[in-house]
Amino acid sequence: FAWPIYLNLAPNYDAILTPRMMSDRGNQVALAGRYLLPRAEGRSRFEYLADDQQFGRSRGSSEFVHNGLLSSRLALEINYAEVSDPNYFEDLSRVVDFSSLTHLERSARLTYQSPGAYTVQALVQDFQPLASAFTAVDDPYRRLPELRFDALTREDWHDTRAGISAQAVNFTRPDSVEGLRQTVQPYLRYSRDLGAMFGRAQIDLNHTRYQLSNNSTGD
C-alpha cells in the first residue's frame, strides 16, 4: 500500500513524499523532487527501506538529474543513480521496466558552444552493474575522461565548408584491455540548394589510433 503526498513548496519546485507499506518486507519511504530555475532544471529521487524482512538488511536507491547553463556558452549535464544492491529494482520497483535494467549510469558532461564555430565537450562516465549474472567482462567500459572537439567554418567557398571532428577517450575496466583511443576526422562538405533541387556531398578522412595496456598477443 503506497500513499503519495504532494508538497507544493514553491512555483518553481515541488516534491512528492510516498510512504509505502509492504506486508512481507516492511515500511519504505520515497521522496521525489524537481526544480526549475532560470537557466537550469533537474529532478531527484531517494528511497529507503530501513529493514527488509526478506532481504535481511536496509536497502535504498537514489537518483539525481541536472541540466543547466553555467554561462551563455557553457552547459552542464549530470546523471547519477545508485542502488544498495544489484537486485533492488527486481525486488522493490513498482515499474516493470526498471526490473530489466542491467546498469545504472553516473556521468557529468561539460559542453562549450561557440556559436557557428566550434564545440568542445568533456565527459566522465561510470556504471553500476545490476544484473548479478553478468561477469565483469560484460560491464560497459568507463570513460575517464572523454574529450570531443567539433568545428565547421562559418563561411563557405563555392558552397563548400571545411570541418573537423576529433575525440580522445580513455577507456577503463578492471581486469580488461584498457587504453586511449584517439580519432581525428577532417572533412569537406558541399551543400547547394536551388529550391526545386538540391545537392549535398562530403569527403572525409577518418584516422584512429589506439594506445592499449593489459593486452596480450592476439587481443
C-alpha atoms as a PDB file:
ATOM      1  CA  PHE A   1       0.000   0.000   0.000  1.00  0.00           C
ATOM      2  CA  ALA A   2       1.505   3.353  -1.073  1.00  0.00           C
ATOM      3  CA  TRP A   3       0.092   6.830  -0.465  1.00  0.00           C
ATOM      4  CA  PRO A   4       1.735   9.724  -2.417  1.00  0.00           C
ATOM      5  CA  ILE A   5       1.632  13.110  -0.677  1.00  0.00           C
ATOM      6  CA  TYR A   6       2.196  16.100  -2.964  1.00  0.00           C
ATOM      7  CA  LEU A   7       4.124  19.045  -1.476  1.00  0.00           C
ATOM      8  CA  ASN A   8       3.594  22.311  -3.378  1.00  0.00           C
ATOM      9  CA  LEU A   9       6.653  24.064  -1.973  1.00  0.00           C
ATOM     10  CA  ALA A  10       7.041  26.938  -4.466  1.00  0.00           C
ATOM     11  CA  PRO A  11       6.047  27.869  -8.034  1.00  0.00           C
ATOM     12  CA  ASN A  12       9.349  26.508  -9.371  1.00  0.00           C
ATOM     13  CA  TYR A  13       9.977  23.438  -7.185  1.00  0.00           C
ATOM     14  CA  ASP A  14       7.893  20.736  -5.553  1.00  0.00           C
ATOM     15  CA  ALA A  15       8.146  17.253  -4.069  1.00  0.00           C
ATOM     16  CA  ILE A  16       6.218  14.030  -3.572  1.00  0.00           C
ATOM     17  CA  LEU A  17       6.551  12.073  -0.311  1.00  0.00           C
ATOM     18  CA  THR A  18       5.371   8.469  -0.587  1.00  0.00           C
ATOM     19  CA  PRO A  19       5.127   6.185   2.461  1.00  0.00           C
ATOM     20  CA  ARG A  20       4.811   2.557   1.354  1.00  0.00           C
ATOM     21  CA  MET A  21       3.791  -0.435   3.475  1.00  0.00           C
ATOM     22  CA  MET A  22       4.707  -3.967   2.335  1.00  0.00           C
ATOM     23  CA  SER A  23       3.393  -6.869   4.418  1.00  0.00           C
ATOM     24  CA  ASP A  24       6.335  -9.186   3.658  1.00  0.00           C
ATOM     25  CA  ARG A  25       9.179  -6.634   3.665  1.00  0.00           C
ATOM     26  CA  GLY A  26       8.378  -3.662   5.891  1.00  0.00           C
ATOM     27  CA  ASN A  27       7.878   0.080   5.544  1.00  0.00           C
ATOM     28  CA  GLN A  28       9.577   2.140   2.862  1.00  0.00           C
ATOM     29  CA  VAL A  29       9.673   5.895   2.305  1.00  0.00           C
ATOM     30  CA  ALA A  30      10.319   7.634  -1.018  1.00  0.00           C
ATOM     31  CA  LEU A  31      10.941  11.327  -1.646  1.00  0.00           C
ATOM     32  CA  ALA A  32      10.988  12.741  -5.181  1.00  0.00           C
ATOM     33  CA  GLY A  33      11.561  16.371  -6.087  1.00  0.00           C
ATOM     34  CA  ARG A  34      12.002  18.581  -9.125  1.00  0.00           C
ATOM     35  CA  TYR A  35      13.077  22.168  -9.700  1.00  0.00           C
ATOM     36  CA  LEU A  36      13.039  24.741 -12.480  1.00  0.00           C
ATOM     37  CA  LEU A  37      15.487  27.645 -12.413  1.00  0.00           C
ATOM     38  CA  PRO A  38      16.018  30.460 -14.957  1.00  0.00           C
ATOM     39  CA  ARG A  39      18.938  28.565 -16.521  1.00  0.00           C
ATOM     40  CA  ALA A  40      18.591  25.019 -15.206  1.00  0.00           C
ATOM     41  CA  GLU A  41      16.191  22.207 -14.407  1.00  0.00           C
ATOM     42  CA  GLY A  42      16.505  18.932 -12.573  1.00  0.00           C
ATOM     43  CA  ARG A  43      14.952  16.187 -10.527  1.00  0.00           C
ATOM     44  CA  SER A  44      15.956  13.847  -7.737  1.00  0.00           C
ATOM     45  CA  ARG A  45      14.571  10.776  -6.004  1.00  0.00           C
ATOM     46  CA  PHE A  46      15.505   8.929  -2.823  1.00  0.00           C
ATOM     47  CA  GLU A  47      14.040   5.659  -1.500  1.00  0.00           C
ATOM     48  CA  TYR A  48      14.846   3.921   1.768  1.00  0.00           C
ATOM     49  CA  LEU A  49      13.674   0.682   3.389  1.00  0.00           C
ATOM     50  CA  ALA A  50      15.034   0.539   6.942  1.00  0.00           C
ATOM     51  CA  ASP A  51      14.912  -3.249   7.375  1.00  0.00           C
ATOM     52  CA  ASP A  52      13.862  -5.541   4.538  1.00  0.00           C
ATOM     53  CA  GLN A  53      12.414  -8.546   6.365  1.00  0.00           C
ATOM     54  CA  GLN A  54      13.006 -10.757   3.333  1.00  0.00           C
ATOM     55  CA  PHE A  55      16.481  -9.470   2.462  1.00  0.00           C
ATOM     56  CA  GLY A  56      17.816  -9.079   5.991  1.00  0.00           C
ATOM     57  CA  ARG A  57      19.199  -5.523   5.867  1.00  0.00           C
ATOM     58  CA  SER A  58      18.454  -1.928   4.877  1.00  0.00           C
ATOM     59  CA  ARG A  59      18.031  -1.102   1.197  1.00  0.00           C
ATOM     60  CA  GLY A  60      17.769   2.108  -0.785  1.00  0.00           C
ATOM     61  CA  SER A  61      18.191   3.924  -4.060  1.00  0.00           C
ATOM     62  CA  SER A  62      18.983   7.467  -5.183  1.00  0.00           C
ATOM     63  CA  GLU A  63      18.839   9.396  -8.447  1.00  0.00           C
ATOM     64  CA  PHE A  64      19.821  12.913  -9.480  1.00  0.00           C
ATOM     65  CA  VAL A  65      19.482  14.530 -12.928  1.00  0.00           C
ATOM     66  CA  HIS A  66      20.508  18.119 -13.719  1.00  0.00           C
ATOM     67  CA  ASN A  67      20.639  20.103 -16.967  1.00  0.00           C
ATOM     68  CA  GLY A  68      21.643  23.740 -16.968  1.00  0.00           C
ATOM     69  CA  LEU A  69      23.794  26.602 -18.191  1.00  0.00           C
ATOM     70  CA  LEU A  70      26.782  27.872 -16.226  1.00  0.00           C
ATOM     71  CA  SER A  71      27.110  30.754 -18.693  1.00  0.00           C
ATOM     72  CA  SER A  72      25.664  31.708 -22.069  1.00  0.00           C
ATOM     73  CA  ARG A  73      28.020  29.218 -23.780  1.00  0.00           C
ATOM     74  CA  LEU A  74      28.841  26.630 -21.101  1.00  0.00           C
ATOM     75  CA  ALA A  75      26.365  23.854 -20.244  1.00  0.00           C
ATOM     76  CA  LEU A  76      26.475  21.189 -17.536  1.00  0.00           C
ATOM     77  CA  GLU A  77      24.659  17.835 -17.516  1.00  0.00           C
ATOM     78  CA  ILE A  78      24.735  15.480 -14.531  1.00  0.00           C
ATOM     79  CA  ASN A  79      23.216  11.995 -14.292  1.00  0.00           C
ATOM     80  CA  TYR A  80      23.696   9.960 -11.130  1.00  0.00           C
ATOM     81  CA  ALA A  81      21.923   6.817  -9.947  1.00  0.00           C
ATOM     82  CA  GLU A  82      22.792   4.263  -7.288  1.00  0.00           C
ATOM     83  CA  VAL A  83      21.142   1.337  -5.516  1.00  0.00           C
ATOM     84  CA  SER A  84      22.177  -0.520  -2.393  1.00  0.00           C
ATOM     85  CA  ASP A  85      22.295  -3.934  -4.106  1.00  0.00           C
ATOM     86  CA  PRO A  86      22.008  -5.407  -7.643  1.00  0.00           C
ATOM     87  CA  ASN A  87      18.525  -6.901  -7.021  1.00  0.00           C
ATOM     88  CA  TYR A  88      16.915  -3.722  -5.714  1.00  0.00           C
ATOM     89  CA  PHE A  89      14.693  -2.934  -8.711  1.00  0.00           C
ATOM     90  CA  GLU A  90      13.798  -6.574  -9.289  1.00  0.00           C
ATOM     91  CA  ASP A  91      12.514  -6.893  -5.712  1.00  0.00           C
ATOM     92  CA  LEU A  92      11.106  -3.443  -4.929  1.00  0.00           C
ATOM     93  CA  SER A  93      10.349  -1.459  -8.089  1.00  0.00           C
ATOM     94  CA  ARG A  94       6.717  -0.759  -8.932  1.00  0.00           C
ATOM     95  CA  VAL A  95       7.703  -0.058 -12.570  1.00  0.00           C
ATOM     96  CA  VAL A  96       8.162  -3.189 -14.691  1.00  0.00           C
ATOM     97  CA  ASP A  97      10.769  -1.573 -16.977  1.00  0.00           C
ATOM     98  CA  PHE A  98      13.120  -0.961 -14.043  1.00  0.00           C
ATOM     99  CA  SER A  99      13.360  -4.679 -13.265  1.00  0.00           C
ATOM    100  CA  SER A 100      15.057  -5.260 -16.644  1.00  0.00           C
ATOM    101  CA  LEU A 101      17.832  -2.674 -16.108  1.00  0.00           C
ATOM    102  CA  THR A 102      21.342  -4.117 -16.180  1.00  0.00           C
ATOM    103  CA  HIS A 103      23.408  -0.982 -15.360  1.00  0.00           C
ATOM    104  CA  LEU A 104      22.939   2.461 -13.826  1.00  0.00           C
ATOM    105  CA  GLU A 105      24.792   5.394 -15.357  1.00  0.00           C
ATOM    106  CA  ARG A 106      26.769   8.052 -13.494  1.00  0.00           C
ATOM    107  CA  SER A 107      28.053  10.811 -15.745  1.00  0.00           C
ATOM    108  CA  ALA A 108      28.907  14.503 -15.926  1.00  0.00           C
ATOM    109  CA  ARG A 109      29.264  16.421 -19.192  1.00  0.00           C
ATOM    110  CA  LEU A 110      30.534  19.953 -19.819  1.00  0.00           C
ATOM    111  CA  THR A 111      29.789  21.499 -23.220  1.00  0.00           C
ATOM    112  CA  TYR A 112      31.250  24.764 -24.504  1.00  0.00           C
ATOM    113  CA  GLN A 113      29.493  26.095 -27.600  1.00  0.00           C
ATOM    114  CA  SER A 114      30.961  28.883 -29.691  1.00  0.00           C
ATOM    115  CA  PRO A 115      28.116  29.992 -31.983  1.00  0.00           C
ATOM    116  CA  GLY A 116      28.696  28.978 -35.579  1.00  0.00           C
ATOM    117  CA  ALA A 117      32.321  27.986 -34.983  1.00  0.00           C
ATOM    118  CA  TYR A 118      33.190  25.089 -32.689  1.00  0.00           C
ATOM    119  CA  THR A 119      32.021  22.903 -29.785  1.00  0.00           C
ATOM    120  CA  VAL A 120      34.123  21.350 -27.014  1.00  0.00           C
ATOM    121  CA  GLN A 121      32.819  18.592 -24.742  1.00  0.00           C
ATOM    122  CA  ALA A 122      34.308  16.876 -21.696  1.00  0.00           C
ATOM    123  CA  LEU A 123      32.663  13.753 -20.265  1.00  0.00           C
ATOM    124  CA  VAL A 124      33.293  11.379 -17.372  1.00  0.00           C
ATOM    125  CA  GLN A 125      31.089   8.275 -17.249  1.00  0.00           C
ATOM    126  CA  ASP A 126      30.786   5.269 -14.966  1.00  0.00           C
ATOM    127  CA  PHE A 127      28.225   2.498 -14.439  1.00  0.00           C
ATOM    128  CA  GLN A 128      26.910   0.463 -11.519  1.00  0.00           C
ATOM    129  CA  PRO A 129      26.149  -3.129 -12.604  1.00  0.00           C
ATOM    130  CA  LEU A 130      22.771  -4.535 -11.576  1.00  0.00           C
ATOM    131  CA  ALA A 131      22.450  -7.927 -13.272  1.00  0.00           C
ATOM    132  CA  SER A 132      24.254 -10.283 -10.887  1.00  0.00           C
ATOM    133  CA  ALA A 133      24.518 -12.959 -13.608  1.00  0.00           C
ATOM    134  CA  PHE A 134      26.810 -10.665 -15.623  1.00  0.00           C
ATOM    135  CA  THR A 135      30.558 -11.056 -15.277  1.00  0.00           C
ATOM    136  CA  ALA A 136      32.924  -8.082 -15.166  1.00  0.00           C
ATOM    137  CA  VAL A 137      33.817  -8.532 -18.825  1.00  0.00           C
ATOM    138  CA  ASP A 138      30.180  -7.824 -19.743  1.00  0.00           C
ATOM    139  CA  ASP A 139      30.177  -4.464 -17.977  1.00  0.00           C
ATOM    140  CA  PRO A 140      30.493  -1.298 -20.084  1.00  0.00           C
ATOM    141  CA  TYR A 141      33.809   0.495 -20.171  1.00  0.00           C
ATOM    142  CA  ARG A 142      34.155   3.643 -18.085  1.00  0.00           C
ATOM    143  CA  ARG A 143      35.183   6.797 -19.917  1.00  0.00           C
ATOM    144  CA  LEU A 144      37.618   8.687 -17.696  1.00  0.00           C
ATOM    145  CA  PRO A 145      37.539  11.079 -19.457  1.00  0.00           C
ATOM    146  CA  GLU A 146      36.264  11.662 -22.992  1.00  0.00           C
ATOM    147  CA  LEU A 147      37.134  14.869 -24.841  1.00  0.00           C
ATOM    148  CA  ARG A 148      35.447  15.925 -28.092  1.00  0.00           C
ATOM    149  CA  PHE A 149      36.065  18.806 -30.474  1.00  0.00           C
ATOM    150  CA  ASP A 150      33.870  19.722 -33.457  1.00  0.00           C
ATOM    151  CA  ALA A 151      34.396  22.709 -35.739  1.00  0.00           C
ATOM    152  CA  LEU A 152      32.982  23.953 -39.043  1.00  0.00           C
ATOM    153  CA  THR A 153      33.932  27.096 -40.957  1.00  0.00           C
ATOM    154  CA  ARG A 154      31.317  29.830 -40.741  1.00  0.00           C
ATOM    155  CA  GLU A 155      31.621  30.932 -44.366  1.00  0.00           C
ATOM    156  CA  ASP A 156      31.511  28.681 -47.415  1.00  0.00           C
ATOM    157  CA  TRP A 157      33.685  28.781 -50.529  1.00  0.00           C
ATOM    158  CA  HIS A 158      31.738  27.816 -53.641  1.00  0.00           C
ATOM    159  CA  ASP A 159      29.098  26.178 -51.386  1.00  0.00           C
ATOM    160  CA  THR A 160      31.827  24.153 -49.619  1.00  0.00           C
ATOM    161  CA  ARG A 161      32.744  24.336 -45.949  1.00  0.00           C
ATOM    162  CA  ALA A 162      35.620  22.682 -44.076  1.00  0.00           C
ATOM    163  CA  GLY A 163      35.219  20.972 -40.737  1.00  0.00           C
ATOM    164  CA  ILE A 164      36.837  18.619 -38.284  1.00  0.00           C
ATOM    165  CA  SER A 165      35.703  16.198 -35.581  1.00  0.00           C
ATOM    166  CA  ALA A 166      38.177  14.916 -33.017  1.00  0.00           C
ATOM    167  CA  GLN A 167      37.836  12.667 -29.985  1.00  0.00           C
ATOM    168  CA  ALA A 168      40.120  11.281 -27.285  1.00  0.00           C
ATOM    169  CA  VAL A 169      38.726   8.687 -24.872  1.00  0.00           C
ATOM    170  CA  ASN A 170      40.396   6.873 -22.005  1.00  0.00           C
ATOM    171  CA  PHE A 171      38.564   3.544 -21.559  1.00  0.00           C
ATOM    172  CA  THR A 172      38.980   1.728 -18.221  1.00  0.00           C
ATOM    173  CA  ARG A 173      37.592  -1.550 -16.856  1.00  0.00           C
ATOM    174  CA  PRO A 174      39.063  -3.870 -14.199  1.00  0.00           C
ATOM    175  CA  ASP A 175      40.855  -6.993 -15.480  1.00  0.00           C
ATOM    176  CA  SER A 176      40.373  -5.973 -19.118  1.00  0.00           C
ATOM    177  CA  VAL A 177      42.230  -4.483 -22.028  1.00  0.00           C
ATOM    178  CA  GLU A 178      42.283  -0.741 -21.373  1.00  0.00           C
ATOM    179  CA  GLY A 179      43.605   2.288 -23.153  1.00  0.00           C
ATOM    180  CA  LEU A 180      43.315   5.522 -25.028  1.00  0.00           C
ATOM    181  CA  ARG A 181      41.547   5.884 -28.371  1.00  0.00           C
ATOM    182  CA  GLN A 182      42.175   8.981 -30.485  1.00  0.00           C
ATOM    183  CA  THR A 183      40.093   9.785 -33.562  1.00  0.00           C
ATOM    184  CA  VAL A 184      40.510  12.682 -35.998  1.00  0.00           C
ATOM    185  CA  GLN A 185      38.140  13.238 -38.911  1.00  0.00           C
ATOM    186  CA  PRO A 186      38.712  16.310 -41.128  1.00  0.00           C
ATOM    187  CA  TYR A 187      36.183  16.779 -43.931  1.00  0.00           C
ATOM    188  CA  LEU A 188      34.922  18.984 -46.750  1.00  0.00           C
ATOM    189  CA  ARG A 189      31.149  19.397 -47.017  1.00  0.00           C
ATOM    190  CA  TYR A 190      29.308  20.628 -50.106  1.00  0.00           C
ATOM    191  CA  SER A 191      25.706  21.831 -49.927  1.00  0.00           C
ATOM    192  CA  ARG A 192      23.729  23.514 -52.708  1.00  0.00           C
ATOM    193  CA  ASP A 193      20.004  24.331 -52.530  1.00  0.00           C
ATOM    194  CA  LEU A 194      18.240  25.758 -55.607  1.00  0.00           C
ATOM    195  CA  GLY A 195      14.663  25.470 -54.363  1.00  0.00           C
ATOM    196  CA  ALA A 196      13.496  22.891 -56.918  1.00  0.00           C
ATOM    197  CA  MET A 197      16.563  20.717 -56.387  1.00  0.00           C
ATOM    198  CA  PHE A 198      19.469  20.354 -54.002  1.00  0.00           C
ATOM    199  CA  GLY A 199      22.795  18.585 -53.832  1.00  0.00           C
ATOM    200  CA  ARG A 200      24.881  17.501 -50.851  1.00  0.00           C
ATOM    201  CA  ALA A 201      28.191  15.673 -50.644  1.00  0.00           C
ATOM    202  CA  GLN A 202      31.016  15.149 -48.183  1.00  0.00           C
ATOM    203  CA  ILE A 203      34.522  13.767 -48.355  1.00  0.00           C
ATOM    204  CA  ASP A 204      36.422  12.990 -45.172  1.00  0.00           C
ATOM    205  CA  LEU A 205      39.452  11.226 -43.760  1.00  0.00           C
ATOM    206  CA  ASN A 206      38.974   9.092 -40.648  1.00  0.00           C
ATOM    207  CA  HIS A 207      42.141   8.364 -38.663  1.00  0.00           C
ATOM    208  CA  THR A 208      42.016   6.305 -35.425  1.00  0.00           C
ATOM    209  CA  ARG A 209      44.877   5.428 -33.096  1.00  0.00           C
ATOM    210  CA  TYR A 210      44.904   3.144 -30.043  1.00  0.00           C
ATOM    211  CA  GLN A 211      47.289   3.009 -27.078  1.00  0.00           C
ATOM    212  CA  LEU A 212      46.381  -0.150 -25.130  1.00  0.00           C
ATOM    213  CA  SER A 213      47.512  -1.821 -21.934  1.00  0.00           C
ATOM    214  CA  ASN A 214      46.759  -5.173 -20.259  1.00  0.00           C
ATOM    215  CA  ASN A 215      46.519  -6.808 -23.688  1.00  0.00           C
ATOM    216  CA  SER A 216      48.247  -9.975 -24.744  1.00  0.00           C
ATOM    217  CA  THR A 217      49.354 -11.072 -28.209  1.00  0.00           C
ATOM    218  CA  GLY A 218      46.332 -11.550 -30.441  1.00  0.00           C
ATOM    219  CA  ASP A 219      43.935  -9.400 -28.372  1.00  0.00           C
END
